[in-house]
């Protein structure tokens, strides 16, 4: 009975150590996640801008083809 109680006590101590480690790593993890989130937001902004540029270039190319080749509907 005493040996089992010692095992349980050892497991509780290990669990307590893990909790303490996780609690001390919490602020670092949060800071890392904040940096990742900002990077993703920045990347999203660049992606949206690139899509708008591609659309504008496509429309400009269509306009030039229509005006230079006489495809205006006449």
Protein backbone atom coordinates (compact mmCIF):
# COMPACT_ATOMS: atom_id res chain seq x y z
CA UNK A 1 0.00 0.00 0.00
CA UNK A 2 2.82 2.38 0.90
CA UNK A 3 4.62 1.70 -2.40
CA UNK A 4 1.50 2.52 -4.40
CA UNK A 5 1.03 5.72 -2.44
CA UNK A 6 4.64 6.68 -3.16
CA UNK A 7 4.07 6.02 -6.89
CA UNK A 8 0.99 8.22 -6.90
CA UNK A 9 2.85 10.91 -4.99
CA UNK A 10 5.71 10.76 -7.51
CA UNK A 11 3.26 11.08 -10.40
CA UNK A 12 1.57 14.06 -8.77
CA UNK A 13 4.95 15.73 -8.29
CA UNK A 14 5.86 15.14 -11.95
CA UNK A 15 2.50 16.52 -13.02
CA UNK A 16 3.03 19.56 -10.82
CA UNK A 17 6.45 20.12 -12.40
CA UNK A 18 4.92 19.94 -15.88
CA UNK A 19 2.24 22.46 -14.95
CA UNK A 20 4.85 24.85 -13.58
CA UNK A 21 6.90 24.53 -16.79
CA UNK A 22 3.82 25.15 -18.95
CA UNK A 23 2.86 28.18 -16.88
CA UNK A 24 6.33 29.68 -17.25
CA UNK A 25 6.31 29.03 -21.01
CA UNK A 26 2.86 30.59 -21.42
CA UNK A 27 3.96 34.21 -21.99
CA UNK A 28 6.63 33.10 -24.48
CA UNK A 29 4.12 30.99 -26.36
CA UNK A 30 1.64 33.87 -26.45
CA UNK A 31 4.30 36.24 -27.77
CA UNK A 32 5.24 33.77 -30.49
CA UNK A 33 1.62 33.31 -31.49
CA UNK A 34 1.15 37.09 -31.64
CA UNK A 35 4.15 37.40 -33.97
CA UNK A 36 2.81 34.64 -36.19
CA UNK A 37 -0.62 36.27 -36.30
CA UNK A 38 0.88 39.62 -37.33
CA UNK A 39 2.91 37.94 -40.05
CA UNK A 40 -0.17 36.18 -41.40
CA UNK A 41 -2.13 39.45 -41.42
CA UNK A 42 0.71 41.18 -43.28
CA UNK A 43 0.91 38.33 -45.78
CA UNK A 44 -2.85 38.48 -46.27
CA UNK A 45 -2.61 42.21 -47.01
CA UNK A 46 0.13 41.62 -49.58
CA UNK A 47 -1.88 38.84 -51.18
CA UNK A 48 -4.97 41.02 -51.53
CA UNK A 49 -2.90 43.81 -53.04
CA UNK A 50 -1.30 41.37 -55.51
CA UNK A 51 -4.70 40.06 -56.57
CA UNK A 52 -5.95 43.60 -57.23
CA UNK A 53 -2.86 44.36 -59.29
CA UNK A 54 -3.35 41.20 -61.36
CA UNK A 55 -7.01 42.05 -61.96
CA UNK A 56 -6.11 45.61 -62.97
CA UNK A 57 -3.42 44.35 -65.38
CA UNK A 58 -5.85 41.86 -66.89
CA UNK A 59 -8.51 44.53 -67.42
CA UNK A 60 -5.91 46.88 -68.90
CA UNK A 61 -4.71 44.15 -71.27
CA UNK A 62 -8.28 43.41 -72.35
CA UNK A 63 -8.90 47.12 -72.93
CA UNK A 64 -5.76 47.45 -75.06
CA UNK A 65 -6.62 44.38 -77.13
CA UNK A 66 -10.14 45.69 -77.67
CA UNK A 67 -9.03 49.18 -78.68
CA UNK A 68 -6.05 48.23 -80.89
CA UNK A 69 -7.47 45.29 -82.80
CA UNK A 70 -10.80 46.84 -83.62
CA UNK A 71 -12.89 44.51 -81.46
CA UNK A 72 -15.02 47.33 -80.15
CA UNK A 73 -18.22 45.83 -81.48
CA UNK A 74 -18.32 47.46 -84.95
